[in-house]
Protein backbone atom coordinates (compact mmCIF):
# COMPACT_ATOMS: atom_id res chain seq x y z
CA MET A 1 87.60 121.55 87.52
CA THR A 2 86.66 124.21 89.84
CA ASP A 3 85.82 123.85 93.03
CA THR A 4 82.37 122.73 94.48
CA PRO A 5 80.28 125.59 95.92
CA VAL A 6 77.96 124.45 98.64
CA SER A 7 74.56 124.60 99.25
CA ALA A 8 71.65 123.91 101.73
CA SER A 9 69.89 120.53 100.28
CA SER A 10 69.44 117.07 101.93
CA PRO A 11 71.11 115.71 104.70
CA ALA A 12 74.27 113.12 103.53
CA THR A 13 74.88 109.70 104.40
CA GLU A 14 77.44 107.73 106.03
CA ALA A 15 78.39 105.38 102.63
CA PRO A 16 78.90 108.06 100.46
CA ASP A 17 80.94 109.99 102.55
CA ARG A 18 83.39 107.41 103.35
CA ARG A 19 83.44 106.17 99.58
CA HIS A 20 84.17 109.75 98.02
CA ILE A 21 86.77 109.95 100.87
CA LEU A 22 88.51 107.03 99.98
CA LEU A 23 88.58 107.41 96.04
CA MET A 24 89.79 111.21 97.06
CA PHE A 25 92.19 109.76 98.91
CA ILE A 26 93.75 107.75 96.63
CA GLY A 27 94.39 110.91 94.15
CA LEU A 28 96.06 112.74 97.04
CA MET A 29 98.34 109.96 97.94
CA THR A 30 99.16 109.70 94.11
CA ALA A 31 100.00 113.61 94.18
CA MET A 32 101.99 113.14 97.51
CA LEU A 33 103.78 110.14 96.24
CA LEU A 34 105.02 112.44 93.30
CA ALA A 35 106.15 115.24 95.68
CA ALA A 36 108.08 112.68 97.99
CA LEU A 37 109.53 110.56 95.23
CA ASP A 38 110.97 113.69 93.35
CA GLN A 39 113.01 114.87 96.61
CA THR A 40 114.57 111.17 96.39
CA ILE A 41 114.26 109.54 92.68
CA PHE A 42 117.78 111.67 91.64
CA ALA A 43 119.85 110.51 94.69
CA THR A 44 120.84 108.06 92.26
CA ALA A 45 120.73 108.75 89.49
CA LEU A 46 121.93 112.58 89.43
CA PRO A 47 126.09 111.49 88.72
CA THR A 48 125.20 109.74 85.52
CA VAL A 49 122.19 112.94 84.52
CA VAL A 50 125.46 115.70 85.09
CA GLY A 51 127.99 113.70 83.03
CA ASP A 52 125.50 113.12 80.45
CA LEU A 53 124.99 116.78 80.11
CA ASN A 54 127.81 117.88 80.33
CA GLY A 55 126.97 119.66 83.90
CA VAL A 56 129.38 118.48 87.01
CA ASP A 57 129.62 122.06 87.90
CA HIS A 58 126.04 123.04 87.85
CA MET A 59 125.06 119.63 90.07
CA LEU A 60 123.49 121.52 93.00
CA TRP A 61 121.18 123.46 91.32
CA VAL A 62 119.53 120.52 90.00
CA THR A 63 118.90 119.95 93.91
CA THR A 64 118.66 123.86 94.93
CA ALA A 65 116.34 125.28 92.32
CA TYR A 66 113.36 122.30 93.15
CA ILE A 67 113.85 123.02 96.74
CA LEU A 68 113.98 126.71 95.89
CA ALA A 69 110.61 126.62 94.27
CA ALA A 70 109.33 124.52 96.39
CA THR A 71 109.65 126.33 99.54
CA ILE A 72 109.08 129.41 98.45
CA MET A 73 105.06 128.14 97.04
CA MET A 74 104.42 126.63 100.56
CA PRO A 75 103.00 129.36 101.76
CA ILE A 76 101.41 130.69 99.13
CA TYR A 77 99.68 127.80 98.12
CA GLY A 78 97.88 127.18 101.90
CA LYS A 79 97.17 130.95 101.86
CA MET A 80 95.61 131.32 98.32
CA GLY A 81 93.94 127.65 99.13
CA ASP A 82 92.28 129.28 102.39
CA LEU A 83 91.25 132.36 100.29
CA ILE A 84 89.85 130.78 97.00
CA GLY A 85 89.32 127.39 97.62
CA ARG A 86 91.68 124.09 96.97
CA LYS A 87 90.69 122.33 94.39
CA SER A 88 91.70 124.23 91.38
CA LEU A 89 95.14 125.29 93.03
CA PHE A 90 95.72 121.55 93.79
CA MET A 91 95.04 120.84 90.06
CA ILE A 92 97.17 123.84 88.93
CA ALA A 93 99.95 122.06 91.12
CA ILE A 94 99.95 118.41 89.73
CA SER A 95 100.12 120.20 86.13
CA LEU A 96 102.57 122.20 86.97
CA PHE A 97 104.89 119.45 88.07
CA MET A 98 103.87 117.30 85.44
CA VAL A 99 105.05 120.28 83.04
CA GLY A 100 108.36 120.55 84.62
CA SER A 101 108.74 116.89 84.30
CA VAL A 102 108.36 116.42 80.64
CA VAL A 103 110.41 119.87 80.28
CA GLY A 104 113.38 117.80 82.02
CA ALA A 105 113.17 114.67 80.74
CA LEU A 106 113.45 116.24 77.35
CA SER A 107 116.15 118.42 78.59
CA GLN A 108 119.29 117.99 76.14
CA GLY A 109 121.67 120.49 78.59
CA MET A 110 121.99 121.68 82.31
CA THR A 111 120.28 124.79 81.83
CA GLU A 112 116.64 122.82 80.55
CA LEU A 113 117.14 120.50 83.13
CA ILE A 114 117.28 123.14 85.87
CA VAL A 115 114.38 124.85 84.39
CA GLY A 116 112.35 121.45 84.42
CA ARG A 117 113.41 120.96 87.92
CA ALA A 118 112.64 124.65 88.90
CA ILE A 119 108.78 124.38 87.23
CA GLN A 120 108.44 121.02 89.35
CA GLY A 121 109.05 122.79 92.64
CA LEU A 122 106.61 125.37 92.01
CA GLY A 123 103.84 122.65 91.72
CA GLY A 124 105.62 120.30 94.41
CA GLY A 125 105.24 123.00 97.03
CA GLY A 126 101.35 122.34 96.77
CA LEU A 127 100.99 118.53 96.45
CA MET A 128 102.18 117.67 99.86
CA ILE A 129 100.43 121.29 101.61
CA LEU A 130 97.02 120.81 99.98
CA SER A 131 96.85 117.40 99.92
CA GLN A 132 97.17 117.68 103.95
CA ALA A 133 94.61 120.47 103.97
CA ILE A 134 92.20 118.37 101.88
CA ILE A 135 92.06 115.89 104.30
CA ALA A 136 91.07 118.73 107.13
CA ASP A 137 88.22 120.17 104.68
CA VAL A 138 86.63 116.57 104.82
CA VAL A 139 87.97 114.57 107.37
CA PRO A 140 86.71 115.56 111.21
CA ALA A 141 89.53 116.02 113.27
CA ARG A 142 89.67 112.46 115.38
CA GLU A 143 89.09 110.63 111.98
CA ARG A 144 92.27 112.81 110.51
CA GLY A 145 95.17 110.95 112.30
CA ARG A 146 94.25 107.57 110.49
CA TYR A 147 95.00 109.59 106.94
CA MET A 148 98.01 111.73 108.33
CA GLY A 149 99.55 108.55 109.21
CA VAL A 150 99.30 106.71 106.15
CA MET A 151 100.62 110.21 104.66
CA GLY A 152 103.62 109.79 106.86
CA GLY A 153 104.02 106.45 105.50
CA VAL A 154 104.02 107.72 101.19
CA PHE A 155 107.03 109.52 102.74
CA ALA A 156 109.21 106.45 103.93
CA LEU A 157 107.83 104.54 101.20
CA ALA A 158 109.19 107.22 98.80
CA SER A 159 112.50 107.67 100.92
CA VAL A 160 113.04 103.71 99.83
CA ALA A 161 111.40 103.31 96.49
CA GLY A 162 112.99 106.59 95.39
CA PRO A 163 116.83 105.91 95.24
CA LEU A 164 116.12 102.05 94.09
CA LEU A 165 113.78 103.33 90.67
CA GLY A 166 116.69 106.12 90.01
CA GLY A 167 119.45 103.32 90.13
CA TRP A 168 117.18 101.10 87.86
CA PHE A 169 116.09 103.75 85.30
CA THR A 170 119.47 105.06 85.01
CA GLU A 171 120.82 101.45 84.42
CA SER A 172 117.92 100.04 82.17
CA ILE A 173 116.02 102.41 80.36
CA GLY A 174 117.54 105.54 80.90
CA TRP A 175 117.39 108.24 83.44
CA GLN A 176 114.81 110.20 81.64
CA TRP A 177 112.15 108.23 83.21
CA CYS A 178 112.79 109.59 86.71
CA MET A 179 110.91 112.29 85.23
CA TRP A 180 108.84 110.68 82.32
CA ILE A 181 107.33 108.19 85.87
CA ASN A 182 105.73 111.80 86.90
CA VAL A 183 103.16 111.62 83.76
CA PRO A 184 101.22 108.53 84.66
CA LEU A 185 100.98 109.25 87.98
CA GLY A 186 100.11 112.93 87.40
CA ILE A 187 97.23 111.78 85.21
CA ILE A 188 95.72 109.30 87.85
CA ALA A 189 96.38 112.18 90.55
CA LEU A 190 93.94 114.77 88.27
CA VAL A 191 91.35 112.18 87.01
CA SER A 192 90.80 111.68 90.81
CA ALA A 193 90.50 115.11 91.59
CA THR A 194 88.22 115.99 89.12
CA LEU A 195 85.70 112.87 89.67
CA PHE A 196 86.06 112.55 93.39
CA LEU A 197 86.75 115.94 95.09
CA LYS A 198 84.37 117.90 95.86
CA LEU A 199 84.77 120.87 98.09
CA PRO A 200 83.35 124.33 99.38
CA THR A 201 84.13 127.43 98.02
CA PRO A 202 85.08 130.32 99.69
CA ASP A 203 83.13 133.57 99.06
CA ARG A 204 86.11 134.79 97.10
CA SER A 205 84.57 138.36 96.54
CA LYS A 206 86.33 138.85 100.19
CA ALA A 207 90.03 137.63 99.09
CA ARG A 208 92.56 140.24 99.32
CA ILE A 209 96.25 138.84 97.89
CA ASP A 210 98.99 139.85 99.95
CA VAL A 211 101.19 140.26 97.09
CA ALA A 212 104.03 142.07 99.28
CA GLY A 213 103.99 139.55 101.52
CA MET A 214 104.77 136.65 99.19
CA LEU A 215 107.44 138.79 97.63
CA LEU A 216 109.19 139.57 100.35
CA LEU A 217 108.49 135.83 101.96
CA ALA A 218 110.14 134.92 98.77
CA ILE A 219 112.88 136.99 99.13
CA ALA A 220 113.93 136.05 102.24
CA SER A 221 113.45 132.22 101.59
CA ALA A 222 115.17 131.83 98.63
CA ALA A 223 118.14 133.99 100.64
CA LEU A 224 117.90 131.65 103.16
CA VAL A 225 117.81 128.33 100.83
CA LEU A 226 120.94 129.76 98.62
CA ALA A 227 122.86 130.59 101.68
CA SER A 228 122.08 126.95 103.40
CA SER A 229 123.21 125.41 99.82
CA TRP A 230 125.94 127.22 98.71
CA GLY A 231 127.57 127.80 101.97
CA GLY A 232 130.77 125.35 102.77
CA HIS A 233 130.59 123.83 99.02
CA THR A 234 130.24 126.80 96.52
CA TYR A 235 131.60 130.22 98.42
CA PRO A 236 133.38 129.75 102.02
CA TRP A 237 130.98 129.90 105.14
CA GLY A 238 132.49 133.73 105.88
CA SER A 239 132.37 134.88 102.02
CA TRP A 240 130.80 138.11 101.71
CA GLN A 241 128.23 136.15 99.57
CA ILE A 242 126.67 133.93 102.44
CA ILE A 243 127.19 136.94 104.67
CA GLY A 244 124.88 138.87 102.39
CA LEU A 245 122.67 136.14 101.74
CA PHE A 246 122.21 135.65 105.63
CA ALA A 247 121.93 139.60 105.88
CA LEU A 248 119.74 139.57 103.12
CA THR A 249 117.32 137.00 105.02
CA VAL A 250 117.13 138.93 107.97
CA LEU A 251 116.12 142.77 106.20
CA ALA A 252 113.76 140.61 104.28
CA GLY A 253 112.29 138.73 107.41
CA LEU A 254 111.79 142.01 109.14
CA ALA A 255 110.19 143.86 106.21
CA PHE A 256 107.63 140.96 105.73
CA VAL A 257 106.93 140.90 109.42
CA LEU A 258 106.29 144.71 109.00
CA VAL A 259 104.23 143.99 106.32
CA GLU A 260 101.94 141.29 107.55
CA ARG A 261 100.97 143.68 110.53
CA SER A 262 99.12 145.83 107.85
CA ALA A 263 97.80 142.89 105.64
CA ALA A 264 94.42 142.40 104.74
CA GLU A 265 94.87 138.82 104.19
CA PRO A 266 98.74 137.92 105.09
CA VAL A 267 100.58 135.11 103.26
CA MET A 268 101.47 134.14 106.74
CA PRO A 269 99.58 135.60 109.65
CA LEU A 270 101.04 137.13 112.56
CA HIS A 271 98.27 135.90 115.41
CA LEU A 272 99.08 131.83 114.04
CA PHE A 273 102.46 132.74 116.53
CA THR A 274 100.01 133.46 119.23
CA LYS A 275 98.85 130.33 119.38
CA ARG A 276 100.96 128.01 121.72
CA ASN A 277 100.61 125.11 120.22
CA PHE A 278 101.39 125.82 117.13
CA VAL A 279 104.36 127.91 117.81
CA LEU A 280 105.87 124.88 119.95
CA THR A 281 105.20 122.10 117.66
CA THR A 282 106.24 124.38 114.37
CA ALA A 283 109.55 125.17 116.37
CA ALA A 284 109.89 121.11 117.56
CA GLY A 285 108.95 119.87 113.62
CA LEU A 286 112.08 122.98 112.20
CA LEU A 287 114.41 120.74 114.73
CA THR A 288 112.92 117.28 113.86
CA GLY A 289 113.80 118.50 109.95
CA ILE A 290 117.50 119.62 110.82
CA VAL A 291 118.07 116.41 112.88
CA MET A 292 116.11 113.88 109.52
CA PHE A 293 117.76 115.08 106.86
CA GLY A 294 121.03 116.73 108.77
CA THR A 295 121.54 112.43 109.00
CA LEU A 296 119.55 110.98 105.81
CA ALA A 297 121.63 113.30 103.44
CA TYR A 298 124.69 111.74 104.23
CA MET A 299 124.41 108.01 105.83
CA PRO A 300 123.81 106.41 101.98
CA THR A 301 127.15 108.25 101.05
CA TYR A 302 128.45 107.11 104.76
CA LEU A 303 127.45 103.32 103.96
CA GLN A 304 129.02 103.14 100.49
CA MET A 305 132.45 104.63 101.60
CA VAL A 306 132.80 103.13 105.04
CA ALA A 307 130.57 99.72 104.53
CA GLY A 308 131.60 99.58 100.75
CA VAL A 309 128.16 98.14 99.50
CA SER A 310 126.92 99.78 96.20
CA ALA A 311 124.82 102.63 95.98
CA THR A 312 121.87 100.37 95.17
CA GLU A 313 122.50 98.18 98.33
CA ALA A 314 123.16 101.68 100.50
CA GLY A 315 119.52 102.38 99.54
CA LEU A 316 118.07 98.86 100.85
CA LEU A 317 120.01 99.48 103.97
CA MET A 318 117.95 102.18 104.84
CA ILE A 319 114.79 99.97 104.60
CA PRO A 320 115.35 99.17 107.97
CA MET A 321 114.53 102.99 109.04
CA MET A 322 112.15 103.47 106.23
CA GLY A 323 110.08 100.35 107.38
CA CYS A 324 109.83 101.17 110.91
CA MET A 325 108.76 104.91 109.76
CA LEU A 326 105.54 103.25 107.96
CA VAL A 327 104.73 101.09 110.78
CA THR A 328 105.08 103.35 113.89
CA SER A 329 103.35 106.40 111.15
CA ILE A 330 100.22 104.22 110.60
CA ILE A 331 99.96 102.98 114.31
CA SER A 332 100.17 105.82 115.56
CA GLY A 333 97.35 107.64 113.09
CA ARG A 334 94.95 104.70 114.09
CA TYR A 335 95.75 105.41 117.79
CA VAL A 336 95.29 109.00 117.27
CA THR A 337 91.88 108.05 115.75
CA ARG A 338 90.48 106.05 118.34
CA THR A 339 91.24 107.52 121.11
CA GLY A 340 92.10 111.09 120.15
CA ARG A 341 95.09 111.34 122.23
CA TYR A 342 98.26 112.72 120.70
CA LYS A 343 100.64 114.47 122.71
CA TRP A 344 102.73 111.36 123.93
CA LEU A 345 103.17 110.70 120.89
CA PRO A 346 105.56 113.04 119.55
CA MET A 347 107.36 113.17 122.82
CA VAL A 348 108.38 109.86 122.62
CA GLY A 349 109.18 109.85 119.28
CA ALA A 350 111.77 112.86 119.99
CA MET A 351 113.15 110.31 122.61
CA PHE A 352 113.63 107.94 120.08
CA LEU A 353 115.43 110.09 118.02
CA GLY A 354 117.69 111.29 120.68
CA ALA A 355 118.19 107.78 121.37
CA ALA A 356 119.45 107.03 117.90
CA MET A 357 121.67 110.30 117.34
CA VAL A 358 123.46 108.76 120.56
CA LEU A 359 123.95 105.45 118.75
CA LEU A 360 124.82 106.46 115.71
CA SER A 361 127.54 108.41 117.02
CA THR A 362 128.93 105.63 118.45
CA MET A 363 129.72 103.87 114.86
CA THR A 364 132.81 102.10 113.99
CA TRP A 365 134.02 101.66 110.50
CA THR A 366 134.46 97.66 111.36
CA GLN A 367 131.24 97.54 112.87
CA PRO A 368 128.30 94.93 111.38
CA ILE A 369 126.16 96.38 109.41
CA TRP A 370 122.99 95.03 111.08
CA VAL A 371 124.07 97.04 113.87
CA THR A 372 123.77 100.10 111.96
CA CYS A 373 120.70 99.17 110.76
CA ILE A 374 118.85 98.61 113.94
CA TYR A 375 120.45 102.34 114.94
CA LEU A 376 118.25 103.84 111.57
CA GLY A 377 115.11 101.67 112.42
CA LEU A 378 115.45 103.41 116.08
CA MET A 379 115.50 106.63 113.87
CA GLY A 380 112.41 105.37 111.74
CA ILE A 381 110.38 104.83 114.77
CA GLY A 382 110.84 108.11 116.43
CA LEU A 383 110.08 109.97 112.87
CA GLY A 384 107.07 107.78 112.42
CA MET A 385 105.40 108.89 115.76
CA THR A 386 106.31 112.58 114.83
CA MET A 387 106.28 113.90 111.72
CA GLN A 388 102.40 113.60 110.58
CA ILE A 389 101.02 114.28 114.42
CA LEU A 390 102.80 117.42 115.03
CA VAL A 391 100.90 118.36 111.12
CA LEU A 392 97.60 117.17 112.73
CA VAL A 393 98.45 119.02 116.19
CA VAL A 394 98.64 122.29 114.26
CA GLN A 395 94.85 121.37 112.21
CA ASN A 396 93.84 120.96 115.73
CA THR A 397 94.78 124.42 117.08
CA PHE A 398 92.66 126.29 114.15
CA PRO A 399 89.12 126.51 112.61
CA ILE A 400 88.69 124.93 109.25
CA THR A 401 89.09 128.37 107.32
CA MET A 402 92.47 128.51 108.56
CA VAL A 403 94.06 125.15 107.93
CA GLY A 404 95.26 125.53 104.81
CA THR A 405 97.73 128.64 105.98
CA ALA A 406 98.71 126.87 109.28
CA THR A 407 99.75 124.06 107.56
CA ALA A 408 101.72 125.72 104.72
CA ALA A 409 103.45 127.53 107.89
CA ASN A 410 104.20 124.55 109.27
CA ASN A 411 105.36 122.77 106.74
CA TYR A 412 107.55 126.11 105.41
CA PHE A 413 109.21 126.12 108.58
CA ARG A 414 110.26 121.93 108.57
CA GLN A 415 111.88 122.83 105.04
CA ILE A 416 113.63 125.44 106.34
CA GLY A 417 115.16 123.09 109.14
CA ALA A 418 115.73 120.24 106.26
CA SER A 419 117.56 123.02 104.22
CA LEU A 420 119.27 123.74 106.95
CA GLY A 421 120.21 120.36 108.22
CA ALA A 422 121.45 119.14 105.33
CA ALA A 423 123.76 122.07 104.46
CA VAL A 424 124.95 122.46 108.11
CA VAL A 425 125.67 118.84 108.78
CA GLY A 426 127.39 118.79 105.52
CA SER A 427 129.57 121.40 105.63
CA VAL A 428 130.64 120.19 108.69
CA PHE A 429 131.28 116.73 107.89
CA THR A 430 133.40 117.71 104.92
CA ASP A 431 135.88 120.31 106.94
CA ARG A 432 136.53 117.52 109.40
CA LEU A 433 136.99 114.98 106.51
CA ILE A 434 139.15 117.31 105.34
CA ASP A 435 141.20 118.15 108.36
CA LEU A 436 141.51 114.33 109.78
CA LEU A 437 142.59 113.13 106.09
CA GLY A 438 145.81 115.87 105.95
CA GLU A 439 146.68 114.40 109.26
CA ARG A 440 146.56 110.76 108.98
CA LEU A 441 147.57 110.51 105.28
CA PRO A 442 151.55 110.16 104.96
CA ALA A 443 152.95 113.16 103.31
CA SER A 444 154.06 111.41 100.21
CA ALA A 445 150.07 110.83 99.13
CA SER A 446 148.01 113.31 100.72
CA GLY A 447 149.32 115.47 97.65
CA SER A 448 147.48 113.65 95.63
CA MET A 449 144.65 112.71 97.78
CA ASP A 450 143.58 116.36 98.20
CA ASP A 451 140.85 116.28 95.88
CA LEU A 452 138.21 114.69 97.42
CA ASN A 453 136.21 113.74 94.50
CA SER A 454 138.69 111.33 93.68
CA LEU A 455 137.32 109.58 96.52
CA THR A 456 134.63 107.41 95.07
CA PRO A 457 133.54 103.95 96.72
CA GLU A 458 135.61 101.87 93.89
CA ALA A 459 138.34 103.97 93.84
CA VAL A 460 138.99 103.29 97.95
CA SER A 461 138.38 99.52 97.42
CA GLU A 462 141.02 99.10 95.16
CA LEU A 463 143.83 101.15 97.73
CA PRO A 464 146.53 99.51 99.19
CA THR A 465 144.84 98.29 102.71
CA GLN A 466 147.07 101.33 104.60
CA MET A 467 145.54 103.87 102.83
CA HIS A 468 142.43 102.12 102.77
CA ASP A 469 141.86 101.79 106.07
CA ILE A 470 142.93 105.50 106.76
CA ILE A 471 140.57 106.31 104.52
CA VAL A 472 137.20 104.44 105.95
CA SER A 473 138.02 105.40 109.34
CA SER A 474 138.20 108.91 108.57
CA TYR A 475 134.88 109.05 107.15
CA ASN A 476 133.73 107.20 109.75
CA ASP A 477 135.31 109.68 112.26
CA ALA A 478 134.08 113.10 110.76
CA LEU A 479 130.57 112.01 110.26
CA THR A 480 129.66 109.92 113.79
CA PRO A 481 130.35 112.79 115.97
CA VAL A 482 127.99 115.13 114.28
CA TYR A 483 125.46 113.08 115.19
CA LEU A 484 125.70 113.61 118.97
CA TRP A 485 125.89 117.28 118.20
CA LEU A 486 122.07 116.45 117.02
CA LEU A 487 121.20 115.34 120.32
CA PRO A 488 120.62 118.66 121.80
CA LEU A 489 117.59 119.17 118.88
CA ALA A 490 115.91 116.41 119.35
CA VAL A 491 116.42 117.26 123.97
CA CYS A 492 115.10 120.85 122.58
CA SER A 493 112.18 119.05 120.49
CA PHE A 494 110.96 116.84 123.34
CA ILE A 495 111.34 120.02 126.03
CA LEU A 496 109.05 122.00 123.38
CA LEU A 497 106.62 119.01 122.74
CA ALA A 498 105.95 118.80 127.00
CA PHE A 499 104.37 122.11 126.84
CA VAL A 500 101.85 121.48 123.95
CA LYS A 501 98.32 121.59 125.61
CA GLU A 502 96.57 118.68 124.21
CA SER A 503 92.37 119.03 123.45
CA ARG A 504 91.24 116.31 122.51
CA LEU A 505 90.18 115.32 118.97
CA ALA A 506 86.59 115.22 118.03
CA THR A 507 84.79 112.79 116.41
CA THR A 508 83.40 114.81 114.33
CA LEU A 509 83.46 118.37 113.14
CA ALA A 510 80.13 118.87 115.21
CA GLN A 511 81.72 118.34 118.29
CA SER A 512 84.59 120.43 117.51
CA GLY A 513 81.98 123.43 117.21
CA HIS A 514 81.88 123.20 113.21
CA THR A 515 78.49 122.30 112.78
CA ASP A 516 78.05 124.48 110.07
CA GLU A 517 81.07 123.33 107.75
CA LEU A 518 80.37 119.75 108.94
CA GLU A 519 77.11 120.00 106.85
CA GLU A 520 78.28 122.15 104.35
CA GLN A 521 81.13 119.64 103.37
CA LEU A 522 79.14 116.21 103.63
CA GLU A 523 76.57 117.42 101.48
CA ALA A 524 78.99 118.47 99.17
CA ILE A 525 80.70 115.21 99.03
CA ALA A 526 77.69 113.32 99.06
CA ARG A 527 76.52 115.74 95.85
């Protein structure tokens, strides 16, 4: 149950290397599927869940509790993995995720459910980070692209399967199975880690835990996530609560920088930001996260309200995007493995992403659904060429002893981007919708339609034709211009990536200058 220490013994052969990597990879993919599914499986189940537990007014916390805990833990898992080894932390993360799932499944009220989701987040923050870092531990840089491509495919699969599973569980055996399903998957991941995960252990005697840095980063992250989640919903953006949270974010961030300058083992070393490729790809990842989650958070709602489809059908209509993302992610990874080149892939991906934003901004409420699916497919192509490649560039920028910390920092800022994207797009969309409905609805109807919670797809479909058309067109006109406002972010991402300095990925760690690490890792895997 602990990381396997390395020793200098007989050299490893190629066969056990690839066999162990394959078996280990199955466990890593299962763990990543756990984390990815959990971000989407509640999308269709949540209305039923909060209704059963009498907690509609606490609905936001079901999502926020997980995002908050996961965001805080990402850089901590990354740094601790570099300091004390990743296997034990990986198994702890899986176990925490399973415990949170059990707590959530057995909950009889919203408090227990929110606590369960927070515990899940404490584990979920490590599942993705550690899986990516472990791949860097045991797979040469040149080969890593193939595995990263499959990892990107896991997210695409989860984005489609999550809402569908959530809807099916809710309508058949009960929403609790959105939690229970994590137990068998977690057991598979734990067994795989126990039997096949053989990693070298760092010298723990030199480990110095940056407690102050971790606390300040947690405070800054929590304040920013809460501000972006509550702003425009629970509190107005100009309220003292939201302004205070943003001020706390800035103050905690400044204090964090001061602490990190003198920390022996900083949780997010400032010298990371002296590497051009890290800064450029991390900034591009943050912008891409804003665009991606700003789009995905409200596209299912758009499809239900404007196209008049059911929640399950809305999930199915996202398949073109996720399918294209899956295919291009795998193809991109294989291309990197075969050629060692990568720079042009995310640049072209940013172009596809920008084109998709332009096309999505032209949607009309009378447009055929298949046209919208084509636009989403283009977006999927862009994301498939971008997301995991950016992680690969970051990992190729630092030595293996820094891979966990660098990967965690990169994912941390991407998660911040995701939170900001969903929050800001949601706030702008809601404000525009309220204004448009106020302008277009007849005076006799505007009073009864002030409560937007009553605008369910079923309720809208039963309205008279004139009222129906006003509401549907208002939804369309409120959301589609926001996509054009996201275009500059995709353009900025393209410009940033143009300045990335490409260094061809090595076929082996020895070619990368990590000869000793290669020998140690192969010996550990062979044992």
